[in-house]
N, C-alpha and C. Protein backbone atom coordinates (compact mmCIF):
# COMPACT_ATOMS: atom_id res chain seq x y z
N UNK A 1 23.70 -14.89 -3.44
CA UNK A 1 23.01 -16.27 -3.29
C UNK A 1 21.77 -16.41 -4.20
N UNK A 2 21.55 -17.25 -4.81
CA UNK A 2 20.49 -17.32 -5.46
C UNK A 2 19.46 -18.58 -4.97
N UNK A 3 18.13 -18.43 -4.71
CA UNK A 3 17.70 -19.80 -4.68
C UNK A 3 16.45 -19.83 -4.79
N UNK A 4 15.84 -21.17 -5.18
CA UNK A 4 14.22 -21.12 -5.74
C UNK A 4 14.00 -21.74 -4.47
N UNK A 5 12.78 -21.30 -4.02
CA UNK A 5 12.03 -21.91 -2.93
C UNK A 5 10.45 -22.40 -3.01
N UNK A 6 9.90 -23.53 -2.72
CA UNK A 6 8.56 -23.94 -3.18
C UNK A 6 7.87 -24.11 -2.00
N UNK A 7 6.62 -23.38 -1.51
CA UNK A 7 5.92 -23.36 -0.47
C UNK A 7 4.30 -24.05 -0.96
N UNK A 8 3.87 -24.85 -0.08
CA UNK A 8 2.34 -25.30 -0.45
C UNK A 8 1.37 -25.24 1.21
N UNK A 9 0.39 -24.53 1.03
CA UNK A 9 -0.42 -24.55 2.11
C UNK A 9 -0.88 -25.95 2.72
N UNK A 10 -1.10 -25.83 3.95
CA UNK A 10 -1.24 -27.13 4.52
C UNK A 10 -2.64 -27.68 4.11
N UNK A 11 -3.86 -26.97 4.12
CA UNK A 11 -5.46 -27.24 3.74
C UNK A 11 -5.84 -27.04 2.82
N UNK A 12 -5.18 -25.93 1.92
CA UNK A 12 -5.91 -25.41 0.59
C UNK A 12 -5.20 -25.92 -0.34
N UNK A 13 -5.79 -26.14 -1.74
CA UNK A 13 -4.60 -26.39 -2.94
C UNK A 13 -4.33 -25.10 -3.24
N UNK A 14 -3.08 -25.19 -3.97
CA UNK A 14 -2.10 -24.08 -3.72
C UNK A 14 -0.59 -24.58 -4.00
N UNK A 15 0.02 -23.78 -4.47
CA UNK A 15 1.28 -23.30 -4.53
C UNK A 15 2.11 -22.23 -4.38
N UNK A 16 3.16 -21.77 -3.92
CA UNK A 16 3.91 -20.51 -4.25
C UNK A 16 5.14 -21.04 -4.66
N UNK A 17 5.82 -20.31 -5.41
CA UNK A 17 7.54 -20.64 -6.37
C UNK A 17 7.87 -19.52 -6.31
N UNK A 18 9.27 -19.11 -5.87
CA UNK A 18 9.67 -17.84 -5.52
C UNK A 18 11.10 -18.04 -5.80
N UNK A 19 11.93 -17.41 -6.53
CA UNK A 19 13.14 -16.91 -6.93
C UNK A 19 13.68 -16.05 -6.05
N UNK A 20 14.70 -15.92 -5.30
CA UNK A 20 15.39 -15.03 -4.15
C UNK A 20 16.55 -14.83 -4.85
N UNK A 21 17.16 -13.64 -5.01
CA UNK A 21 18.49 -13.21 -5.22
C UNK A 21 19.13 -12.33 -4.21
N UNK A 22 20.26 -12.45 -3.59
CA UNK A 22 20.90 -11.55 -2.75
C UNK A 22 22.13 -11.65 -3.06
N UNK A 23 22.54 -9.91 -3.01
CA UNK A 23 24.12 -9.64 -3.66
C UNK A 23 23.99 -8.16 -2.73
N UNK A 24 25.38 -7.69 -3.09
CA UNK A 24 25.35 -6.36 -2.54
C UNK A 24 24.97 -5.26 -2.96
N UNK A 25 23.93 -5.42 -3.67
CA UNK A 25 23.02 -4.43 -4.03
C UNK A 25 21.74 -4.47 -3.49
N UNK A 26 21.13 -5.47 -2.69
CA UNK A 26 19.95 -6.06 -2.30
C UNK A 26 19.80 -7.08 -2.20
N UNK A 27 18.11 -7.22 -2.04
CA UNK A 27 17.27 -8.76 -1.84
C UNK A 27 16.55 -8.17 -2.84
N UNK A 28 16.06 -8.99 -3.46
CA UNK A 28 15.07 -9.51 -4.94
C UNK A 28 14.50 -10.63 -4.75
N UNK A 29 13.06 -10.59 -4.45
CA UNK A 29 12.20 -11.72 -4.76
C UNK A 29 11.27 -11.42 -5.66
N UNK A 30 10.94 -12.80 -6.41
CA UNK A 30 10.05 -12.44 -7.65
C UNK A 30 9.24 -13.96 -7.52
N UNK A 31 8.15 -14.05 -7.18
CA UNK A 31 7.21 -14.99 -6.78
C UNK A 31 5.68 -15.36 -7.48
N UNK A 32 5.46 -16.31 -8.08
CA UNK A 32 4.25 -16.64 -8.67
C UNK A 32 3.56 -17.66 -7.67
N UNK A 33 2.29 -17.19 -7.45
CA UNK A 33 1.46 -18.36 -6.15
C UNK A 33 -0.07 -18.35 -7.02
N UNK A 34 -0.30 -19.48 -6.48
CA UNK A 34 -1.39 -19.92 -6.76
C UNK A 34 -2.38 -20.34 -5.44
N UNK A 35 -3.63 -19.87 -5.13
CA UNK A 35 -4.23 -20.58 -4.11
C UNK A 35 -5.76 -20.37 -3.82
N UNK A 36 -6.22 -21.21 -3.04
CA UNK A 36 -7.80 -21.12 -3.12
C UNK A 36 -8.43 -20.59 -1.79
N UNK A 37 -8.64 -19.34 -1.66
CA UNK A 37 -8.86 -18.50 -0.33
C UNK A 37 -9.93 -18.03 -0.25
N UNK A 38 -10.59 -18.73 0.80
CA UNK A 38 -12.34 -18.16 1.18
C UNK A 38 -12.96 -18.72 -0.11
N UNK A 39 -13.11 -19.71 -0.74
CA UNK A 39 -13.39 -20.34 -2.01
C UNK A 39 -13.41 -19.47 -3.14
N UNK A 40 -12.54 -18.71 -3.21
CA UNK A 40 -11.91 -18.00 -4.36
C UNK A 40 -10.51 -18.43 -4.96
N UNK A 41 -10.49 -18.48 -6.23
CA UNK A 41 -9.30 -19.30 -6.77
C UNK A 41 -8.31 -18.09 -7.11
N UNK A 42 -7.28 -17.87 -6.85
CA UNK A 42 -6.58 -16.46 -7.33
C UNK A 42 -5.03 -16.90 -8.08
N UNK A 43 -4.78 -16.07 -8.47
CA UNK A 43 -3.24 -16.48 -9.07
C UNK A 43 -2.48 -14.87 -8.77
N UNK A 44 -1.29 -15.04 -8.41
CA UNK A 44 -1.05 -13.71 -7.97
C UNK A 44 0.97 -13.64 -8.47
N UNK A 45 1.19 -12.69 -8.89
CA UNK A 45 2.98 -12.66 -9.04
C UNK A 45 3.14 -11.32 -8.64
N UNK A 46 4.14 -11.20 -7.45
CA UNK A 46 4.96 -10.29 -6.93
C UNK A 46 6.43 -10.19 -7.19
N UNK A 47 6.93 -8.80 -7.27
CA UNK A 47 8.38 -8.92 -7.14
C UNK A 47 8.68 -7.79 -5.81
N UNK A 48 9.44 -8.03 -4.85
CA UNK A 48 9.90 -7.46 -3.59
C UNK A 48 11.16 -7.17 -3.40
N UNK A 49 11.31 -6.00 -3.08
CA UNK A 49 13.04 -5.37 -3.43
C UNK A 49 12.90 -4.80 -2.00
N UNK A 50 14.29 -5.31 -1.46
CA UNK A 50 14.69 -4.77 0.03
C UNK A 50 16.46 -4.33 -0.25
N UNK A 51 16.83 -2.98 0.41
CA UNK A 51 17.68 -3.16 0.17
C UNK A 51 18.77 -3.96 1.29
N UNK A 52 20.46 -4.17 0.67
CA UNK A 52 21.12 -5.05 1.72
C UNK A 52 20.83 -5.24 3.25
N UNK A 53 20.16 -4.42 3.69
CA UNK A 53 20.01 -4.75 5.49
C UNK A 53 18.31 -5.27 5.13
N UNK A 54 17.89 -5.73 4.45
CA UNK A 54 16.49 -6.10 4.38
C UNK A 54 15.37 -5.05 5.04
N UNK A 55 15.94 -3.68 4.38
CA UNK A 55 14.63 -2.62 4.78
C UNK A 55 13.87 -2.87 3.48
N UNK A 56 12.57 -2.73 3.20
CA UNK A 56 11.57 -2.55 2.46
C UNK A 56 11.95 -1.71 1.34
N UNK A 57 11.93 -1.62 0.26
CA UNK A 57 12.18 -0.46 -0.88
C UNK A 57 10.83 -0.50 -1.80
N UNK A 58 10.58 -1.61 -2.30
CA UNK A 58 9.03 -1.51 -3.31
C UNK A 58 8.34 -2.92 -3.43
N UNK A 59 7.44 -3.14 -3.62
CA UNK A 59 6.66 -3.75 -3.96
C UNK A 59 5.72 -4.28 -5.28
N UNK A 60 5.99 -4.57 -6.24
CA UNK A 60 4.89 -4.78 -7.21
C UNK A 60 4.19 -6.25 -7.24
N UNK A 61 2.88 -5.79 -7.19
CA UNK A 61 1.99 -7.09 -6.89
C UNK A 61 0.75 -7.15 -8.13
N UNK A 62 0.49 -8.13 -8.90
CA UNK A 62 -0.40 -8.54 -9.67
C UNK A 62 -1.24 -9.54 -9.27
N UNK A 63 -2.58 -9.49 -9.09
CA UNK A 63 -3.38 -10.59 -8.48
C UNK A 63 -4.67 -10.64 -9.79
N UNK A 64 -4.91 -11.87 -9.88
CA UNK A 64 -6.26 -12.53 -11.21
C UNK A 64 -6.89 -13.36 -10.44
N UNK A 65 -8.21 -12.69 -10.01
CA UNK A 65 -9.24 -13.03 -9.43
C UNK A 65 -10.55 -12.29 -10.07
N UNK A 66 -10.97 -12.86 -10.79
CA UNK A 66 -12.44 -12.73 -11.75
C UNK A 66 -11.74 -11.47 -12.41
N UNK A 67 -10.48 -11.21 -13.09
CA UNK A 67 -10.12 -10.07 -13.50
C UNK A 67 -8.83 -9.51 -12.71
N UNK A 68 -7.98 -8.91 -13.43
CA UNK A 68 -6.68 -8.53 -13.37
C UNK A 68 -6.60 -7.21 -12.23
N UNK A 69 -5.54 -7.36 -11.32
CA UNK A 69 -5.84 -5.87 -10.33
C UNK A 69 -4.10 -5.89 -9.97
N UNK A 70 -4.14 -4.91 -10.05
CA UNK A 70 -2.33 -4.83 -9.55
C UNK A 70 -2.24 -3.37 -8.70
N UNK A 71 -0.96 -3.41 -8.01
CA UNK A 71 -0.83 -2.13 -6.99
C UNK A 71 1.10 -2.38 -6.86
N UNK A 72 0.90 -0.68 -6.70
CA UNK A 72 2.62 -1.09 -6.24
C UNK A 72 2.95 -0.23 -5.19
N UNK A 73 3.79 -1.03 -4.51
CA UNK A 73 3.77 0.19 -2.97
C UNK A 73 5.48 0.45 -2.96
N UNK A 74 5.42 1.40 -2.39
CA UNK A 74 7.01 2.07 -2.35
C UNK A 74 7.33 2.71 -0.97
N UNK A 75 8.69 2.46 -0.65
CA UNK A 75 9.01 3.53 0.59
C UNK A 75 10.55 3.72 0.43
N UNK A 76 10.51 5.20 0.77
CA UNK A 76 11.70 5.83 0.25
C UNK A 76 12.34 5.91 1.47
N UNK A 77 13.84 6.24 1.34
CA UNK A 77 14.68 6.07 2.33
C UNK A 77 14.60 7.05 3.65
N UNK A 78 13.39 7.98 3.58
CA UNK A 78 13.04 9.00 4.60
C UNK A 78 11.78 8.04 5.29
N UNK A 79 11.48 6.82 4.73
CA UNK A 79 10.60 6.39 5.58
C UNK A 79 9.27 6.65 5.18
N UNK A 80 9.06 7.02 4.06
CA UNK A 80 7.82 7.28 3.34
C UNK A 80 6.99 6.83 2.25
N UNK A 81 5.62 6.55 2.33
CA UNK A 81 5.29 5.11 1.62
C UNK A 81 4.27 6.12 0.42
N UNK A 82 4.56 5.40 -0.65
CA UNK A 82 3.45 5.43 -1.65
C UNK A 82 2.87 4.38 -2.28
N UNK A 83 1.37 4.28 -2.43
CA UNK A 83 0.82 3.42 -2.62
C UNK A 83 0.48 3.95 -4.23
N UNK A 84 0.66 3.12 -5.45
CA UNK A 84 0.23 3.53 -6.52
C UNK A 84 0.88 4.98 -6.76
N UNK A 85 1.87 5.50 -6.15
CA UNK A 85 2.12 6.95 -6.52
C UNK A 85 1.70 7.43 -5.58
N UNK A 86 0.52 7.46 -5.03
CA UNK A 86 0.36 8.38 -3.94
C UNK A 86 0.61 8.21 -2.44
N UNK A 87 1.17 9.55 -1.94
CA UNK A 87 1.61 9.72 -0.38
C UNK A 87 0.60 8.38 0.48
N UNK A 88 0.82 7.69 1.58
CA UNK A 88 0.39 6.74 2.27
C UNK A 88 1.06 7.35 3.96
N UNK A 89 0.53 8.62 4.33
CA UNK A 89 0.91 8.95 5.82
C UNK A 89 0.54 7.95 6.86
N UNK A 90 -0.44 7.32 6.55
CA UNK A 90 -1.12 6.20 7.66
C UNK A 90 0.22 4.73 8.07
N UNK A 91 0.95 4.59 6.87
CA UNK A 91 1.68 3.63 6.74
C UNK A 91 3.27 4.28 7.35
N UNK A 92 3.63 5.24 7.83
CA UNK A 92 4.74 5.76 8.34
C UNK A 92 5.49 4.87 9.43
N UNK A 93 4.26 4.55 10.30
CA UNK A 93 5.32 3.73 11.41
C UNK A 93 5.62 1.94 10.48
N UNK A 94 5.08 1.85 9.63
CA UNK A 94 5.55 0.35 9.07
C UNK A 94 7.16 0.47 8.46
N UNK A 95 7.43 -0.70 9.00
CA UNK A 95 8.63 -1.06 8.17
C UNK A 95 8.98 -2.16 7.54
N UNK A 96 8.14 -3.00 7.00
CA UNK A 96 7.95 -3.88 6.31
C UNK A 96 6.50 -4.12 5.43
N UNK A 97 6.55 -4.95 4.39
CA UNK A 97 5.15 -5.57 3.87
C UNK A 97 4.75 -6.84 4.59
N UNK A 98 3.54 -7.28 4.85
CA UNK A 98 2.87 -8.91 4.84
C UNK A 98 2.06 -8.92 3.73
N UNK A 99 2.11 -10.05 3.09
CA UNK A 99 0.99 -10.18 2.25
C UNK A 99 0.33 -11.54 2.67
N UNK A 100 -0.90 -11.14 2.82
CA UNK A 100 -2.04 -12.25 3.51
C UNK A 100 -1.40 -13.66 3.43
N UNK A 101 -1.27 -14.24 2.36
CA UNK A 101 -0.88 -15.54 2.20
C UNK A 101 0.60 -15.84 1.22
N UNK A 102 0.92 -15.25 1.78
CA UNK A 102 2.81 -15.53 0.81
C UNK A 102 3.42 -15.68 2.52
N UNK A 103 4.21 -17.16 2.46
CA UNK A 103 4.96 -17.07 3.52
C UNK A 103 6.25 -16.78 3.50
N UNK A 104 6.58 -15.96 2.10
CA UNK A 104 8.30 -15.40 1.89
C UNK A 104 8.20 -14.30 3.08
N UNK A 105 7.05 -13.62 3.12
CA UNK A 105 7.39 -12.16 3.47
C UNK A 105 7.44 -11.90 5.01
N UNK A 106 7.68 -13.22 5.61
CA UNK A 106 8.17 -13.02 7.22
C UNK A 106 9.54 -13.01 7.13
N UNK A 107 10.27 -13.57 6.25
CA UNK A 107 11.53 -13.47 6.39
C UNK A 107 12.37 -12.05 6.40
N UNK A 108 12.10 -10.70 5.51
CA UNK A 108 12.85 -9.64 5.87
C UNK A 108 12.26 -9.15 7.35
N UNK A 109 10.99 -9.25 7.89
CA UNK A 109 10.94 -9.12 9.32
C UNK A 109 11.67 -9.78 10.25
N UNK A 110 12.24 -11.33 10.55
CA UNK A 110 12.97 -11.66 10.81
C UNK A 110 14.53 -11.24 10.79
N UNK A 111 14.73 -10.94 9.70
CA UNK A 111 16.20 -10.58 8.87
C UNK A 111 16.41 -9.38 10.06
N UNK A 112 15.40 -8.40 9.77
CA UNK A 112 15.53 -7.11 10.53
C UNK A 112 15.50 -7.24 11.89
N UNK A 113 14.66 -7.74 12.91
CA UNK A 113 14.76 -8.07 13.83
C UNK A 113 16.06 -8.92 14.53
N UNK A 114 16.35 -9.70 13.95
CA UNK A 114 17.56 -10.36 14.21
C UNK A 114 17.46 -10.86 15.96
N UNK A 115 16.56 -11.37 16.20
CA UNK A 115 16.35 -11.56 17.78
C UNK A 115 17.02 -12.71 18.36
N UNK A 116 17.79 -12.66 19.67
CA UNK A 116 18.14 -13.59 19.92
C UNK A 116 17.18 -14.63 20.77
N UNK A 117 17.39 -15.93 20.95
CA UNK A 117 16.73 -16.81 21.72
C UNK A 117 16.08 -16.26 23.00
N UNK A 118 14.78 -15.96 23.20
CA UNK A 118 13.95 -15.47 24.45
C UNK A 118 13.29 -14.10 24.23
N UNK A 119 14.19 -13.46 23.13
CA UNK A 119 14.02 -12.00 22.64
C UNK A 119 12.62 -12.05 21.59
N UNK A 120 11.99 -10.67 21.78
CA UNK A 120 10.64 -10.64 21.12
C UNK A 120 10.69 -8.91 20.85
N UNK A 121 10.01 -8.80 19.79
CA UNK A 121 9.54 -7.79 19.09
C UNK A 121 8.74 -7.44 18.25
N UNK A 122 7.94 -6.33 18.82
CA UNK A 122 7.08 -6.07 18.19
C UNK A 122 6.94 -4.79 16.85
N UNK A 123 6.21 -4.79 15.96
CA UNK A 123 6.64 -3.76 14.87
C UNK A 123 5.22 -3.66 13.67
N UNK A 124 5.13 -2.49 13.04
CA UNK A 124 4.19 -2.36 12.26
C UNK A 124 4.44 -2.91 11.02
N UNK A 125 3.70 -3.41 10.30
CA UNK A 125 3.84 -3.79 8.60
C UNK A 125 2.61 -2.89 7.86
N UNK A 126 2.81 -3.06 6.89
CA UNK A 126 1.89 -2.90 5.72
C UNK A 126 1.14 -4.18 5.32
N UNK A 127 -0.39 -4.28 5.77
CA UNK A 127 -0.37 -5.65 5.44
C UNK A 127 -1.51 -5.26 4.18
N UNK A 128 -0.92 -6.56 3.59
CA UNK A 128 -1.73 -6.42 1.86
C UNK A 128 -2.70 -7.85 1.93
N UNK A 129 -3.95 -7.46 1.85
CA UNK A 129 -5.10 -8.45 1.92
C UNK A 129 -5.09 -9.03 0.10
N UNK A 130 -4.79 -10.46 -0.34
CA UNK A 130 -4.43 -10.61 -1.82
C UNK A 130 -5.87 -11.00 -1.99
N UNK A 131 -7.04 -11.17 -1.59
CA UNK A 131 -8.21 -10.93 -2.26
C UNK A 131 -8.43 -9.34 -2.95
N UNK A 132 -8.55 -8.63 -1.74
CA UNK A 132 -9.01 -7.36 -1.91
C UNK A 132 -8.18 -6.30 -2.58
N UNK A 133 -6.70 -6.62 -2.21
CA UNK A 133 -5.47 -5.37 -2.40
C UNK A 133 -5.54 -4.50 -1.18
N UNK A 134 -6.54 -4.51 -0.39
CA UNK A 134 -6.52 -3.64 1.03
C UNK A 134 -5.24 -3.43 1.32
N UNK A 135 -4.50 -2.52 1.53
CA UNK A 135 -3.33 -2.18 2.19
C UNK A 135 -3.75 -1.27 3.50
N UNK A 136 -3.27 -1.94 4.96
CA UNK A 136 -3.15 -1.26 5.97
C UNK A 136 -2.22 -1.49 7.00
N UNK A 137 -1.98 -0.71 8.14
CA UNK A 137 -1.16 -0.87 8.91
C UNK A 137 -1.49 -1.68 9.90
N UNK A 138 -0.58 -2.86 10.28
CA UNK A 138 -1.24 -3.86 11.32
C UNK A 138 0.09 -3.98 12.07
N UNK A 139 -0.39 -4.32 13.47
CA UNK A 139 0.95 -4.96 14.17
C UNK A 139 1.18 -6.62 14.21
N UNK A 140 2.88 -6.57 14.39
CA UNK A 140 3.08 -7.81 14.00
C UNK A 140 4.19 -8.02 15.22
N UNK A 141 4.20 -9.26 15.69
CA UNK A 141 5.29 -9.31 17.07
C UNK A 141 5.74 -10.66 16.60
N UNK A 142 7.35 -11.09 17.05
CA UNK A 142 8.14 -12.19 16.83
C UNK A 142 8.51 -12.51 17.99
N UNK A 143 8.49 -13.61 18.65
CA UNK A 143 9.39 -13.95 19.26
C UNK A 143 10.32 -15.04 19.34
N UNK A 144 11.50 -15.14 19.57
CA UNK A 144 12.54 -16.15 18.90
C UNK A 144 12.49 -17.47 20.02
N UNK A 145 11.95 -18.58 19.97
CA UNK A 145 11.60 -19.83 21.37
C UNK A 145 12.85 -20.49 21.47
N UNK A 146 13.40 -20.91 20.33
CA UNK A 146 14.53 -22.04 20.63
C UNK A 146 15.06 -22.36 18.95
N UNK A 147 16.39 -23.17 19.04
CA UNK A 147 16.89 -23.34 17.96
C UNK A 147 16.91 -25.07 18.33
N UNK A 148 16.53 -26.01 17.23
CA UNK A 148 16.85 -27.08 17.41
C UNK A 148 16.99 -27.93 16.09
N UNK A 149 18.32 -28.64 15.73
CA UNK A 149 18.46 -29.48 14.49
C UNK A 149 18.86 -28.22 13.50
N UNK A 150 19.57 -27.09 13.58
CA UNK A 150 19.75 -26.36 12.94
C UNK A 150 18.69 -25.11 12.27
N UNK A 151 17.57 -25.31 12.84
CA UNK A 151 16.22 -24.66 12.45
C UNK A 151 16.09 -23.89 13.78
N UNK A 152 15.41 -22.68 13.74
CA UNK A 152 15.12 -21.90 14.92
C UNK A 152 13.46 -21.63 14.70
N UNK A 153 12.96 -21.55 15.79
CA UNK A 153 11.57 -21.74 16.42
C UNK A 153 11.32 -20.59 16.67
N UNK A 154 10.20 -19.82 16.11
CA UNK A 154 9.29 -18.40 15.99
C UNK A 154 7.73 -18.49 16.85
N UNK A 155 7.25 -17.91 17.71
CA UNK A 155 6.09 -17.51 17.49
C UNK A 155 5.93 -16.09 16.85
N UNK A 156 4.62 -16.09 16.17
CA UNK A 156 4.44 -15.16 15.35
C UNK A 156 3.00 -14.57 15.58
N UNK A 157 2.81 -13.42 16.01
CA UNK A 157 1.42 -13.11 16.35
C UNK A 157 1.16 -11.80 15.44
N UNK A 158 0.22 -11.84 14.73
CA UNK A 158 -0.26 -10.81 13.70
C UNK A 158 -1.47 -10.38 14.35
N UNK A 159 -2.08 -9.25 14.09
CA UNK A 159 -3.00 -8.39 14.68
C UNK A 159 -3.87 -8.87 14.17
N UNK A 160 -4.93 -9.73 14.80
CA UNK A 160 -6.38 -9.94 14.36
C UNK A 160 -6.59 -11.47 13.84
N UNK A 161 -4.88 -12.07 13.96
CA UNK A 161 -5.07 -13.56 13.86
C UNK A 161 -4.58 -14.47 15.23
N UNK A 162 -4.68 -15.42 15.16
CA UNK A 162 -4.33 -16.57 16.18
C UNK A 162 -2.84 -16.66 16.10
N UNK A 163 -2.08 -16.76 17.08
CA UNK A 163 -0.56 -17.05 17.19
C UNK A 163 -0.12 -18.14 16.31
N UNK A 164 0.81 -18.39 15.30
CA UNK A 164 1.21 -19.37 14.91
C UNK A 164 2.81 -19.79 15.09
N UNK A 165 3.21 -20.83 14.86
CA UNK A 165 4.55 -21.15 15.03
C UNK A 165 5.53 -21.04 13.97
N UNK A 166 6.41 -20.64 13.58
CA UNK A 166 7.67 -20.51 12.53
C UNK A 166 8.62 -21.42 12.67
N UNK A 167 9.18 -22.29 11.74
CA UNK A 167 10.03 -22.86 11.57
C UNK A 167 11.39 -22.43 10.33
N UNK A 168 12.36 -21.88 10.91
CA UNK A 168 12.76 -21.34 9.52
C UNK A 168 14.18 -21.74 9.86
N UNK A 169 14.82 -21.62 8.59
CA UNK A 169 16.11 -22.09 8.37
C UNK A 169 17.49 -21.18 8.56
N UNK A 170 18.29 -21.53 8.27
CA UNK A 170 19.71 -20.29 8.88
C UNK A 170 19.44 -19.24 8.39
N UNK A 171 18.80 -18.93 7.02
CA UNK A 171 18.80 -17.68 6.57
C UNK A 171 17.19 -17.36 6.81
N UNK A 172 16.68 -17.67 7.60
CA UNK A 172 15.48 -17.09 8.06
C UNK A 172 14.27 -17.38 7.21
N UNK A 173 14.57 -18.03 6.28
CA UNK A 173 13.34 -18.61 4.90
C UNK A 173 12.56 -19.57 5.74
N UNK A 174 11.27 -19.48 5.30
CA UNK A 174 10.23 -20.69 6.32
C UNK A 174 10.62 -21.78 5.90
N UNK A 175 10.54 -22.81 6.80
CA UNK A 175 10.40 -24.43 6.47
C UNK A 175 8.90 -24.96 6.58
N UNK A 176 8.31 -24.38 7.72
CA UNK A 176 6.90 -24.67 7.90
C UNK A 176 6.67 -23.33 8.81
N UNK A 177 4.87 -23.08 8.82
CA UNK A 177 4.46 -22.23 9.53
C UNK A 177 2.95 -23.15 10.11
N UNK A 178 3.14 -23.68 11.35
CA UNK A 178 1.92 -24.34 12.30
C UNK A 178 1.52 -25.22 11.11
N UNK A 179 -0.13 -24.80 10.90
CA UNK A 179 -0.77 -25.71 9.97
C UNK A 179 -1.36 -24.82 8.82
N UNK A 180 -0.12 -24.07 8.41
CA UNK A 180 -0.52 -23.01 7.29
C UNK A 180 0.24 -23.24 5.89
N UNK A 181 1.52 -23.50 6.26
CA UNK A 181 2.27 -23.40 5.05
C UNK A 181 3.66 -24.65 5.07
N UNK A 182 3.82 -25.53 4.57
CA UNK A 182 5.20 -26.45 4.61
C UNK A 182 6.14 -26.15 3.14
N UNK A 183 7.51 -25.68 3.32
CA UNK A 183 8.41 -25.72 2.24
C UNK A 183 8.70 -27.25 1.71
N UNK A 184 8.72 -27.32 0.30
CA UNK A 184 8.81 -28.63 -0.20
C UNK A 184 10.52 -28.39 -0.81
N UNK A 185 10.94 -29.48 -0.97
CA UNK A 185 12.40 -29.83 -1.89
C UNK A 185 11.91 -29.95 -3.02
N UNK A 186 12.88 -29.75 -3.72
CA UNK A 186 13.13 -30.04 -5.04
C UNK A 186 12.85 -31.42 -5.58
N UNK A 187 13.31 -32.39 -4.79
CA UNK A 187 12.96 -33.63 -4.40
C UNK A 187 11.42 -34.14 -4.09
N UNK A 188 10.91 -33.43 -3.10
CA UNK A 188 9.42 -33.79 -3.08
C UNK A 188 8.69 -33.29 -3.99
N UNK A 189 9.15 -32.28 -5.08
CA UNK A 189 8.50 -31.75 -6.23
C UNK A 189 8.33 -32.83 -7.03
N UNK A 190 9.39 -33.77 -7.69
CA UNK A 190 9.56 -34.77 -8.56
C UNK A 190 8.84 -35.58 -8.29
N UNK A 191 8.37 -36.11 -6.80
CA UNK A 191 7.75 -37.36 -6.09
C UNK A 191 6.30 -36.95 -6.34
N UNK A 192 5.98 -35.79 -5.96
CA UNK A 192 4.41 -35.42 -5.57
C UNK A 192 3.89 -35.38 -6.97
N UNK A 193 2.79 -36.53 -6.96
CA UNK A 193 1.78 -36.97 -8.15
C UNK A 193 0.72 -35.68 -7.87
N UNK A 194 0.50 -34.75 -7.45
CA UNK A 194 -0.57 -33.55 -6.85
C UNK A 194 -2.20 -34.45 -7.44
N UNK A 195 -2.20 -35.49 -6.68
CA UNK A 195 -3.16 -36.35 -6.72
C UNK A 195 -4.01 -35.73 -5.28
């Protein structure tokens, strides 16, 4: 499966354009995003790789915000994490990565949880702040609430943030997140005047 997805923030100017490829070798996502965060304009590019079972393997991230900075994050098959080649034992309990302002990074988590309606799961993620590129372990919890019209509704609770509701499609790709992100169709993009 190959797919191009586009999201926009509800309140801030910006857009994320992501190319997703899924085959027997794994999941590869390449994304370009531009956003205004806390009064700062940023442009970011990332490449995220997971194995065929949605287990995180590596992330390459470059952010331009008053100069370019980048990071490499890797998790080997034994669960050891490496940040720019250096061991990060503090991330050993983490299973996935979460980028502070990218709606796609919910998908690998939801795919790995595979929750039934009413079930919930708490896990640790390697949380990356796009403004500072700080990487830290944080708690993340999902609860599958219900299905309606071919979509599934989850409650997402991230450590240090208010809970939000996520609506996802049959592939656990975000359609909307409370008042944070909205996925656009190619038709919406053609009609949008960006005014």
